[in-house]
């Protein structure tokens, strides 16, 4: 999951309101990202940590994934609004997405380091 998760978070971090023409492609990409994030969350929930650092890392990763999923949902809403021609709503949704992904990144980094993922 590490490489896909890194690419997915990178996409979310760089997400901008798509044009009406590109909104469909963005929605499809975001749908795939949603599946990846859900799979990573499921894997993290199934693995129990045995050390204090492991438990803390797992908790941080799960919190980061929850924020990343929130970001993905806001980005999807932004793409749908852009496709409908509602640029103001799309921009507002993108702002929410950026806030959520900015919360997720440090949590994922800290948790990943504690779990020795990178």
N, C-alpha and C. Protein backbone atom coordinates (compact mmCIF):
# COMPACT_ATOMS: atom_id res chain seq x y z
N UNK A 1 0.81 -1.21 0.00
CA UNK A 1 0.00 0.00 0.00
C UNK A 1 0.85 1.27 0.00
N UNK A 2 2.08 1.17 0.44
CA UNK A 2 2.90 2.36 0.64
C UNK A 2 3.04 3.22 -0.62
N UNK A 3 3.39 2.60 -1.75
CA UNK A 3 3.59 3.38 -2.98
C UNK A 3 2.28 3.97 -3.49
N UNK A 4 1.22 3.17 -3.47
CA UNK A 4 -0.07 3.68 -3.94
C UNK A 4 -0.58 4.78 -3.02
N UNK A 5 -0.41 4.58 -1.72
CA UNK A 5 -0.86 5.57 -0.75
C UNK A 5 -0.09 6.88 -0.94
N UNK A 6 1.20 6.79 -1.17
CA UNK A 6 2.01 7.99 -1.40
C UNK A 6 1.53 8.72 -2.65
N UNK A 7 1.28 7.99 -3.71
CA UNK A 7 0.80 8.60 -4.95
C UNK A 7 -0.59 9.21 -4.76
N UNK A 8 -1.45 8.51 -4.04
CA UNK A 8 -2.81 9.00 -3.81
C UNK A 8 -2.81 10.28 -2.98
N UNK A 9 -2.02 10.30 -1.92
CA UNK A 9 -1.94 11.50 -1.08
C UNK A 9 -1.33 12.64 -1.88
N UNK A 10 -0.36 12.33 -2.71
CA UNK A 10 0.23 13.35 -3.58
C UNK A 10 -0.80 13.95 -4.53
N UNK A 11 -1.65 13.10 -5.09
CA UNK A 11 -2.71 13.59 -5.97
C UNK A 11 -3.67 14.50 -5.21
N UNK A 12 -4.06 14.07 -4.01
CA UNK A 12 -4.97 14.88 -3.21
C UNK A 12 -4.32 16.20 -2.81
N UNK A 13 -3.03 16.17 -2.48
CA UNK A 13 -2.34 17.39 -2.07
C UNK A 13 -2.27 18.40 -3.22
N UNK A 14 -2.16 17.91 -4.43
CA UNK A 14 -2.07 18.78 -5.59
C UNK A 14 -3.40 19.00 -6.31
N UNK A 15 -4.48 18.53 -5.71
CA UNK A 15 -5.78 18.60 -6.38
C UNK A 15 -6.21 20.05 -6.57
N UNK A 16 -6.68 20.33 -7.75
CA UNK A 16 -7.26 21.63 -8.08
C UNK A 16 -8.64 21.40 -8.69
N UNK A 17 -9.46 22.42 -8.65
CA UNK A 17 -10.80 22.28 -9.22
C UNK A 17 -10.66 21.98 -10.71
N UNK A 18 -11.17 20.84 -11.16
CA UNK A 18 -11.04 20.50 -12.58
C UNK A 18 -11.99 21.33 -13.43
N UNK A 19 -11.66 21.42 -14.70
CA UNK A 19 -12.58 22.07 -15.62
C UNK A 19 -13.78 21.15 -15.82
N UNK A 20 -14.81 21.68 -16.37
CA UNK A 20 -16.00 20.87 -16.62
C UNK A 20 -15.66 19.68 -17.52
N UNK A 21 -14.78 19.92 -18.45
CA UNK A 21 -14.37 18.88 -19.41
C UNK A 21 -13.59 17.75 -18.72
N UNK A 22 -12.75 18.09 -17.73
CA UNK A 22 -11.90 17.10 -17.07
C UNK A 22 -12.49 16.54 -15.77
N UNK A 23 -13.66 16.99 -15.40
CA UNK A 23 -14.26 16.57 -14.13
C UNK A 23 -14.56 15.07 -14.08
N UNK A 24 -14.96 14.49 -15.19
CA UNK A 24 -15.26 13.06 -15.22
C UNK A 24 -14.03 12.22 -14.95
N UNK A 25 -12.92 12.58 -15.57
CA UNK A 25 -11.67 11.85 -15.35
C UNK A 25 -11.21 12.01 -13.90
N UNK A 26 -11.36 13.21 -13.36
CA UNK A 26 -10.98 13.44 -11.96
C UNK A 26 -11.84 12.60 -11.03
N UNK A 27 -13.13 12.50 -11.32
CA UNK A 27 -14.04 11.70 -10.50
C UNK A 27 -13.64 10.22 -10.51
N UNK A 28 -13.26 9.72 -11.67
CA UNK A 28 -12.84 8.32 -11.77
C UNK A 28 -11.55 8.09 -10.97
N UNK A 29 -10.60 9.00 -11.09
CA UNK A 29 -9.34 8.89 -10.35
C UNK A 29 -9.61 8.94 -8.84
N UNK A 30 -10.49 9.84 -8.43
CA UNK A 30 -10.81 9.98 -7.01
C UNK A 30 -11.54 8.76 -6.47
N UNK A 31 -12.33 8.12 -7.31
CA UNK A 31 -13.01 6.89 -6.91
C UNK A 31 -11.99 5.79 -6.62
N UNK A 32 -10.98 5.68 -7.49
CA UNK A 32 -9.91 4.70 -7.28
C UNK A 32 -9.15 5.02 -6.00
N UNK A 33 -8.87 6.28 -5.77
CA UNK A 33 -8.17 6.70 -4.55
C UNK A 33 -9.00 6.32 -3.32
N UNK A 34 -10.31 6.52 -3.40
CA UNK A 34 -11.18 6.14 -2.29
C UNK A 34 -11.09 4.66 -1.97
N UNK A 35 -11.04 3.83 -3.00
CA UNK A 35 -10.90 2.38 -2.79
C UNK A 35 -9.55 2.05 -2.17
N UNK A 36 -8.49 2.71 -2.65
CA UNK A 36 -7.16 2.48 -2.09
C UNK A 36 -7.10 2.86 -0.61
N UNK A 37 -7.67 4.02 -0.28
CA UNK A 37 -7.65 4.49 1.11
C UNK A 37 -8.46 3.57 2.01
N UNK A 38 -9.60 3.11 1.52
CA UNK A 38 -10.42 2.18 2.31
C UNK A 38 -9.69 0.86 2.54
N UNK A 39 -8.99 0.39 1.52
CA UNK A 39 -8.20 -0.83 1.66
C UNK A 39 -7.07 -0.66 2.67
N UNK A 40 -6.41 0.48 2.63
CA UNK A 40 -5.33 0.74 3.58
C UNK A 40 -5.88 0.84 5.00
N UNK A 41 -7.04 1.47 5.15
CA UNK A 41 -7.65 1.59 6.48
C UNK A 41 -8.03 0.20 7.00
N UNK A 42 -8.59 -0.63 6.14
CA UNK A 42 -8.96 -1.98 6.53
C UNK A 42 -7.74 -2.78 6.97
N UNK A 43 -6.66 -2.67 6.21
CA UNK A 43 -5.42 -3.38 6.56
C UNK A 43 -4.86 -2.89 7.89
N UNK A 44 -4.89 -1.58 8.10
CA UNK A 44 -4.37 -1.03 9.36
C UNK A 44 -5.22 -1.45 10.55
N UNK A 45 -6.52 -1.55 10.35
CA UNK A 45 -7.40 -1.96 11.45
C UNK A 45 -7.18 -3.42 11.82
N UNK A 46 -6.86 -4.25 10.85
CA UNK A 46 -6.70 -5.69 11.10
C UNK A 46 -5.39 -6.02 11.80
N UNK A 47 -4.37 -5.19 11.62
CA UNK A 47 -3.06 -5.46 12.21
C UNK A 47 -2.95 -4.81 13.58
N UNK A 48 -2.77 -5.63 14.59
CA UNK A 48 -2.61 -5.14 15.96
C UNK A 48 -1.13 -4.93 16.24
N UNK A 49 -0.83 -3.84 16.92
CA UNK A 49 0.55 -3.54 17.28
C UNK A 49 0.87 -4.12 18.66
N UNK A 50 2.11 -4.56 18.84
CA UNK A 50 2.48 -5.18 20.11
C UNK A 50 3.31 -4.24 21.00
N UNK A 51 3.85 -3.18 20.44
CA UNK A 51 4.67 -2.25 21.22
C UNK A 51 3.95 -0.92 21.39
N UNK A 52 4.44 -0.12 22.30
CA UNK A 52 3.86 1.21 22.52
C UNK A 52 4.00 2.06 21.26
N UNK A 53 5.18 2.04 20.65
CA UNK A 53 5.38 2.80 19.41
C UNK A 53 4.49 2.28 18.30
N UNK A 54 4.33 0.97 18.25
CA UNK A 54 3.47 0.38 17.23
C UNK A 54 2.02 0.80 17.40
N UNK A 55 1.54 0.81 18.63
CA UNK A 55 0.16 1.23 18.88
C UNK A 55 -0.04 2.70 18.55
N UNK A 56 0.93 3.52 18.94
CA UNK A 56 0.84 4.95 18.63
C UNK A 56 0.89 5.18 17.12
N UNK A 57 1.80 4.47 16.44
CA UNK A 57 1.91 4.60 14.99
C UNK A 57 0.63 4.19 14.29
N UNK A 58 0.06 3.08 14.73
CA UNK A 58 -1.20 2.59 14.15
C UNK A 58 -2.31 3.61 14.35
N UNK A 59 -2.38 4.18 15.56
CA UNK A 59 -3.41 5.19 15.86
C UNK A 59 -3.23 6.42 14.95
N UNK A 60 -1.98 6.87 14.78
CA UNK A 60 -1.71 8.02 13.93
C UNK A 60 -2.07 7.73 12.47
N UNK A 61 -1.70 6.54 12.00
CA UNK A 61 -2.02 6.16 10.62
C UNK A 61 -3.52 6.10 10.40
N UNK A 62 -4.24 5.51 11.35
CA UNK A 62 -5.70 5.45 11.21
C UNK A 62 -6.33 6.85 11.22
N UNK A 63 -5.83 7.73 12.04
CA UNK A 63 -6.34 9.12 12.05
C UNK A 63 -6.02 9.82 10.73
N UNK A 64 -4.80 9.61 10.25
CA UNK A 64 -4.41 10.20 8.97
C UNK A 64 -5.24 9.67 7.81
N UNK A 65 -5.53 8.38 7.84
CA UNK A 65 -6.36 7.80 6.78
C UNK A 65 -7.79 8.32 6.85
N UNK A 66 -8.30 8.54 8.05
CA UNK A 66 -9.65 9.10 8.18
C UNK A 66 -9.68 10.50 7.58
N UNK A 67 -8.65 11.31 7.85
CA UNK A 67 -8.59 12.65 7.25
C UNK A 67 -8.41 12.58 5.73
N UNK A 68 -7.62 11.62 5.27
CA UNK A 68 -7.41 11.46 3.82
C UNK A 68 -8.71 11.05 3.13
N UNK A 69 -9.50 10.20 3.78
CA UNK A 69 -10.79 9.79 3.21
C UNK A 69 -11.74 10.98 3.17
N UNK A 70 -11.70 11.81 4.21
CA UNK A 70 -12.51 13.04 4.20
C UNK A 70 -12.08 13.94 3.04
N UNK A 71 -10.78 14.04 2.83
CA UNK A 71 -10.26 14.85 1.73
C UNK A 71 -10.71 14.29 0.38
N UNK A 72 -10.67 12.98 0.24
CA UNK A 72 -11.10 12.35 -1.02
C UNK A 72 -12.56 12.62 -1.28
N UNK A 73 -13.37 12.53 -0.26
CA UNK A 73 -14.81 12.79 -0.44
C UNK A 73 -15.06 14.24 -0.82
N UNK A 74 -14.34 15.17 -0.21
CA UNK A 74 -14.50 16.59 -0.55
C UNK A 74 -14.02 16.86 -1.98
N UNK A 75 -12.92 16.21 -2.38
CA UNK A 75 -12.43 16.37 -3.74
C UNK A 75 -13.43 15.81 -4.75
N UNK A 76 -14.05 14.69 -4.42
CA UNK A 76 -15.07 14.11 -5.29
C UNK A 76 -16.26 15.06 -5.42
N UNK A 77 -16.66 15.64 -4.30
CA UNK A 77 -17.76 16.62 -4.34
C UNK A 77 -17.38 17.81 -5.20
N UNK A 78 -16.13 18.24 -5.12
CA UNK A 78 -15.65 19.35 -5.94
C UNK A 78 -15.71 19.00 -7.42
N UNK A 79 -15.28 17.79 -7.77
CA UNK A 79 -15.32 17.36 -9.17
C UNK A 79 -16.75 17.28 -9.68
N UNK A 80 -17.66 16.78 -8.85
CA UNK A 80 -19.06 16.70 -9.27
C UNK A 80 -19.66 18.09 -9.45
N UNK A 81 -19.31 19.01 -8.55
CA UNK A 81 -19.81 20.38 -8.69
C UNK A 81 -19.24 21.04 -9.94
N UNK A 82 -17.97 20.80 -10.23
CA UNK A 82 -17.37 21.36 -11.43
C UNK A 82 -18.05 20.81 -12.68
N UNK A 83 -18.36 19.53 -12.66
CA UNK A 83 -19.03 18.92 -13.81
C UNK A 83 -20.41 19.51 -14.03
N UNK A 84 -21.05 19.92 -12.92
CA UNK A 84 -22.38 20.54 -13.01
C UNK A 84 -22.31 22.03 -13.32
N UNK A 85 -21.10 22.57 -13.42
CA UNK A 85 -20.95 23.98 -13.72
C UNK A 85 -21.04 24.90 -12.51
N UNK A 86 -20.95 24.34 -11.32
CA UNK A 86 -21.04 25.12 -10.09
C UNK A 86 -19.62 25.39 -9.57
N UNK A 87 -18.95 26.34 -10.18
CA UNK A 87 -17.55 26.62 -9.86
C UNK A 87 -17.36 27.11 -8.43
N UNK A 88 -18.28 27.90 -7.91
CA UNK A 88 -18.16 28.39 -6.54
C UNK A 88 -18.22 27.26 -5.53
N UNK A 89 -19.15 26.35 -5.73
CA UNK A 89 -19.27 25.19 -4.85
C UNK A 89 -18.05 24.29 -4.99
N UNK A 90 -17.57 24.13 -6.21
CA UNK A 90 -16.39 23.31 -6.44
C UNK A 90 -15.17 23.89 -5.72
N UNK A 91 -15.03 25.21 -5.76
CA UNK A 91 -13.90 25.86 -5.08
C UNK A 91 -14.01 25.70 -3.56
N UNK A 92 -15.22 25.81 -3.04
CA UNK A 92 -15.43 25.64 -1.60
C UNK A 92 -15.11 24.22 -1.17
N UNK A 93 -15.56 23.24 -1.95
CA UNK A 93 -15.26 21.84 -1.65
C UNK A 93 -13.76 21.57 -1.72
N UNK A 94 -13.08 22.20 -2.68
CA UNK A 94 -11.64 22.03 -2.80
C UNK A 94 -10.95 22.59 -1.56
N UNK A 95 -11.44 23.69 -1.04
CA UNK A 95 -10.85 24.28 0.17
C UNK A 95 -10.97 23.31 1.35
N UNK A 96 -12.11 22.67 1.48
CA UNK A 96 -12.31 21.67 2.53
C UNK A 96 -11.37 20.48 2.32
N UNK A 97 -11.21 20.09 1.07
CA UNK A 97 -10.33 18.98 0.73
C UNK A 97 -8.89 19.30 1.12
N UNK A 98 -8.42 20.49 0.81
CA UNK A 98 -7.05 20.87 1.13
C UNK A 98 -6.82 20.92 2.64
N UNK A 99 -7.81 21.40 3.38
CA UNK A 99 -7.70 21.43 4.84
C UNK A 99 -7.55 20.01 5.39
N UNK A 100 -8.37 19.09 4.90
CA UNK A 100 -8.33 17.69 5.38
C UNK A 100 -7.02 17.01 5.00
N UNK A 101 -6.54 17.21 3.79
CA UNK A 101 -5.31 16.54 3.37
C UNK A 101 -4.12 17.13 4.11
N UNK A 102 -4.16 18.42 4.43
CA UNK A 102 -3.08 19.03 5.21
C UNK A 102 -3.06 18.49 6.64
N UNK A 103 -4.19 18.06 7.17
CA UNK A 103 -4.23 17.41 8.48
C UNK A 103 -3.71 15.98 8.38
N UNK A 104 -4.01 15.31 7.27
CA UNK A 104 -3.66 13.90 7.10
C UNK A 104 -2.16 13.67 6.93
N UNK A 105 -1.50 14.52 6.19
CA UNK A 105 -0.10 14.28 5.82
C UNK A 105 0.82 14.12 7.04
N UNK A 106 0.81 15.06 8.00
CA UNK A 106 1.73 14.86 9.13
C UNK A 106 1.39 13.63 9.98
N UNK A 107 0.11 13.30 10.08
CA UNK A 107 -0.27 12.11 10.83
C UNK A 107 0.25 10.85 10.16
N UNK A 108 0.11 10.78 8.84
CA UNK A 108 0.59 9.61 8.11
C UNK A 108 2.11 9.51 8.17
N UNK A 109 2.79 10.65 8.07
CA UNK A 109 4.26 10.63 8.15
C UNK A 109 4.73 10.16 9.52
N UNK A 110 4.16 10.73 10.57
CA UNK A 110 4.56 10.36 11.92
C UNK A 110 4.26 8.89 12.21
N UNK A 111 3.06 8.46 11.86
CA UNK A 111 2.69 7.07 12.08
C UNK A 111 3.53 6.12 11.27
N UNK A 112 3.81 6.48 10.03
CA UNK A 112 4.65 5.64 9.17
C UNK A 112 6.07 5.48 9.71
N UNK A 113 6.61 6.56 10.28
CA UNK A 113 7.94 6.48 10.86
C UNK A 113 7.96 5.58 12.09
N UNK A 114 6.93 5.72 12.93
CA UNK A 114 6.86 4.87 14.11
C UNK A 114 6.70 3.39 13.76
N UNK A 115 6.01 3.13 12.66
CA UNK A 115 5.80 1.75 12.22
C UNK A 115 6.92 1.26 11.29
N UNK A 116 7.92 2.11 11.06
CA UNK A 116 9.08 1.79 10.21
C UNK A 116 8.65 1.44 8.79
N UNK A 117 7.64 2.17 8.30
CA UNK A 117 7.22 1.96 6.91
C UNK A 117 8.15 2.68 5.95
N UNK A 118 8.77 3.74 6.43
CA UNK A 118 9.75 4.49 5.63
C UNK A 118 10.66 5.27 6.53
